[in-house]
Amino acid sequence: MERDSLRDLLYCLARLGLFWFINFFGVIMGKTVILGVIGSFVPRLHLYDSPETLSLISFFIPVIFILILFADDAKRHTAYGRYNPVLVSSAMILIGASYYLPCLAVGYIKDIKNAEILKGFYFINYWASEIVGDEVELYNLVGTLALVLLSIFTYLIARRIYLKKFESGEYEYEY
């Protein structure tokens, strides 16, 4: 089948925008709603004292949305004959790089308030600081790699599940 490069470019750009939006949404939900609601009703988690735990809970918000998105992409791409794991992998590498690269500037920002604002944007990956230390570059790299790899594996697994269901007759062609 002939590849449409404009469609592939739009796919990459759409996923890039959704990735940034979903991560920003995860930061806002983690720092406001989860801290306020879960922190008040489940005081044993010590969310006010442990930003790593709050960050780990906040990490699952974008993970859930992104996994649903890529599972749906795999199903649609397979059903309509547009399956391309190279496109999805390269899109996720581009997305991961665009999300990771700005954190490299944190060490060069002289104003502490601005550096803290930029660090706050990477709050959903702060849970990895328990593993690799408090360097924003390292814990963001671990968190971003985890999210990118989960997305790619979800795409591949969802495609395999769709194919098994299609072969067993649970799905039919959708036109």
Protein backbone atom coordinates (compact mmCIF):
# COMPACT_ATOMS: atom_id res chain seq x y z
CA MET A 1 0.00 0.00 0.00
CA GLU A 2 1.24 3.49 -0.81
CA ARG A 3 2.35 5.57 2.15
CA ASP A 4 1.02 9.06 2.55
CA SER A 5 3.81 11.17 4.03
CA LEU A 6 1.51 14.09 4.87
CA ARG A 7 -0.75 11.76 6.86
CA ASP A 8 2.30 10.38 8.68
CA LEU A 9 3.52 13.91 9.47
CA LEU A 10 0.10 14.92 10.77
CA TYR A 11 0.00 11.76 12.88
CA CYS A 12 3.38 12.61 14.44
CA LEU A 13 2.39 16.23 15.10
CA ALA A 14 -0.99 15.25 16.54
CA ARG A 15 0.60 12.73 18.90
CA LEU A 16 3.24 15.29 19.87
CA GLY A 17 0.56 17.83 20.79
CA LEU A 18 -1.50 15.25 22.66
CA PHE A 19 1.56 14.03 24.56
CA TRP A 20 2.43 17.54 25.74
CA PHE A 21 -1.18 18.31 26.63
CA ILE A 22 -1.66 15.04 28.52
CA ASN A 23 1.57 15.51 30.50
CA PHE A 24 0.64 19.09 31.37
CA PHE A 25 -2.78 17.81 32.44
CA GLY A 26 -1.06 15.18 34.61
CA VAL A 27 1.05 17.83 36.36
CA ILE A 28 -2.00 19.98 37.09
CA MET A 29 -4.08 17.04 38.29
CA GLY A 30 -1.24 15.71 40.42
CA LYS A 31 -0.41 18.96 42.15
CA THR A 32 -4.00 20.07 42.73
CA VAL A 33 -6.67 17.41 42.60
CA ILE A 34 -4.73 14.36 43.74
CA LEU A 35 -2.91 16.24 46.47
CA GLY A 36 -6.13 17.82 47.71
CA VAL A 37 -8.49 14.88 47.39
CA ILE A 38 -6.37 11.79 48.00
CA GLY A 39 -4.09 13.61 50.43
CA SER A 40 -7.09 14.62 52.55
CA PHE A 41 -8.96 11.32 52.51
CA VAL A 42 -6.00 8.92 52.69
CA PRO A 43 -3.56 10.56 55.11
CA ARG A 44 -1.47 7.37 55.40
CA LEU A 45 0.08 8.05 52.00
CA HIS A 46 1.79 11.18 53.40
CA LEU A 47 1.40 12.98 50.08
CA TYR A 48 2.20 16.33 51.66
CA ASP A 49 5.46 14.93 53.05
CA SER A 50 6.44 12.66 50.16
CA PRO A 51 6.53 14.31 46.72
CA GLU A 52 7.87 11.05 45.24
CA THR A 53 4.64 9.21 46.10
CA LEU A 54 2.52 12.08 44.78
CA SER A 55 4.61 12.12 41.61
CA LEU A 56 4.20 8.38 41.10
CA ILE A 57 0.42 8.68 41.44
CA SER A 58 0.50 11.68 39.08
CA PHE A 59 2.59 9.68 36.60
CA PHE A 60 -0.24 7.20 36.11
CA ILE A 61 -2.66 9.88 34.83
CA PRO A 62 -0.77 10.51 31.57
CA VAL A 63 0.20 6.84 31.35
CA ILE A 64 -3.44 5.75 31.33
CA PHE A 65 -4.44 8.30 28.69
CA ILE A 66 -1.44 7.63 26.47
CA LEU A 67 -1.83 3.85 26.68
CA ILE A 68 -5.49 4.13 25.71
CA LEU A 69 -4.54 6.40 22.82
CA PHE A 70 -1.87 4.08 21.43
CA ALA A 71 -3.99 0.96 21.91
CA ASP A 72 -6.72 2.64 19.87
CA ASP A 73 -4.15 3.70 17.26
CA ALA A 74 -2.99 0.09 16.90
CA LYS A 75 -6.52 -1.18 16.46
CA ARG A 76 -7.38 1.47 13.86
CA HIS A 77 -4.10 1.16 11.98
CA THR A 78 -4.46 -2.60 11.78
CA ALA A 79 -8.13 -2.49 10.79
CA TYR A 80 -7.58 0.03 8.00
CA GLY A 81 -4.33 -1.43 6.68
CA ARG A 82 -2.14 1.45 7.86
CA TYR A 83 -0.09 -0.51 10.40
CA ASN A 84 3.39 0.97 10.58
CA PRO A 85 5.45 0.27 13.70
CA VAL A 86 8.32 2.38 12.35
CA LEU A 87 6.05 5.43 12.19
CA VAL A 88 4.82 4.91 15.74
CA SER A 89 8.32 4.23 17.08
CA SER A 90 9.80 7.25 15.34
CA ALA A 91 6.88 9.41 16.53
CA MET A 92 7.47 8.28 20.11
CA ILE A 93 11.21 8.90 19.85
CA LEU A 94 10.49 12.41 18.53
CA ILE A 95 7.94 12.99 21.27
CA GLY A 96 10.28 11.71 23.99
CA ALA A 97 13.13 13.87 22.71
CA SER A 98 10.95 16.98 22.52
CA TYR A 99 9.79 16.36 26.09
CA TYR A 100 13.25 15.58 27.45
CA LEU A 101 15.44 18.21 25.77
CA PRO A 102 14.04 21.30 27.58
CA CYS A 103 14.99 19.79 30.95
CA LEU A 104 18.65 20.06 29.96
CA ALA A 105 18.29 23.84 30.28
CA VAL A 106 17.45 23.64 34.00
CA GLY A 107 21.11 23.57 34.98
CA TYR A 108 21.84 26.70 32.95
CA ILE A 109 19.01 28.87 34.29
CA LYS A 110 20.43 31.29 36.84
CA ASP A 111 17.11 32.46 38.29
CA ILE A 112 16.09 29.88 40.89
CA LYS A 113 12.37 30.64 40.54
CA ASN A 114 12.41 30.01 36.80
CA ALA A 115 14.38 26.80 37.29
CA GLU A 116 11.82 25.59 39.84
CA ILE A 117 8.98 26.39 37.43
CA LEU A 118 10.66 24.29 34.74
CA LYS A 119 11.32 21.50 37.25
CA GLY A 120 7.65 21.62 38.20
CA PHE A 121 6.71 20.81 34.63
CA TYR A 122 8.62 17.53 34.96
CA PHE A 123 6.95 16.73 38.29
CA ILE A 124 5.26 13.57 36.98
CA ASN A 125 8.70 12.01 36.52
CA TYR A 126 9.99 13.00 39.97
CA TRP A 127 9.23 9.50 41.28
CA ALA A 128 12.35 8.30 39.45
CA SER A 129 14.50 10.48 41.70
CA GLU A 130 14.28 7.67 44.26
CA ILE A 131 16.13 5.48 41.74
CA VAL A 132 18.65 7.78 40.05
CA GLY A 133 19.01 10.77 42.36
CA ASP A 134 17.75 14.34 42.43
CA GLU A 135 19.16 15.48 39.08
CA VAL A 136 16.26 16.62 36.91
CA GLU A 137 18.01 15.41 33.76
CA LEU A 138 18.34 11.85 35.06
CA TYR A 139 14.94 11.35 36.63
CA ASN A 140 13.22 12.94 33.64
CA LEU A 141 15.15 10.65 31.29
CA VAL A 142 14.04 7.56 33.23
CA GLY A 143 10.41 8.72 33.38
CA THR A 144 10.30 9.70 29.71
CA LEU A 145 11.88 6.42 28.60
CA ALA A 146 9.38 4.49 30.70
CA LEU A 147 6.48 6.35 29.10
CA VAL A 148 7.83 5.98 25.56
CA LEU A 149 8.58 2.26 25.93
CA LEU A 150 5.18 1.62 27.51
CA SER A 151 3.52 3.38 24.58
CA ILE A 152 5.39 1.39 21.96
CA PHE A 153 4.76 -1.93 23.72
CA THR A 154 1.09 -1.06 24.16
CA TYR A 155 0.82 -0.38 20.45
CA LEU A 156 2.40 -3.72 19.56
CA ILE A 157 0.42 -5.73 22.13
CA ALA A 158 -2.89 -4.08 21.18
CA ARG A 159 -2.24 -4.94 17.53
CA ARG A 160 -1.56 -8.56 18.40
CA ILE A 161 -4.76 -8.75 20.48
CA TYR A 162 -6.76 -7.18 17.66
CA LEU A 163 -5.36 -9.66 15.13
CA LYS A 164 -6.21 -12.63 17.37
CA LYS A 165 -9.77 -11.38 17.83
CA PHE A 166 -10.08 -10.68 14.11
CA GLU A 167 -8.87 -14.17 13.19
CA SER A 168 -11.31 -15.74 15.64
CA GLY A 169 -14.20 -13.81 14.05
CA GLU A 170 -14.94 -11.34 16.83
CA TYR A 171 -14.21 -8.36 14.56
CA GLU A 172 -15.18 -7.73 10.98
CA TYR A 173 -13.81 -5.26 8.49
CA GLU A 174 -15.08 -1.74 9.12
CA TYR A 175 -15.52 0.43 6.07
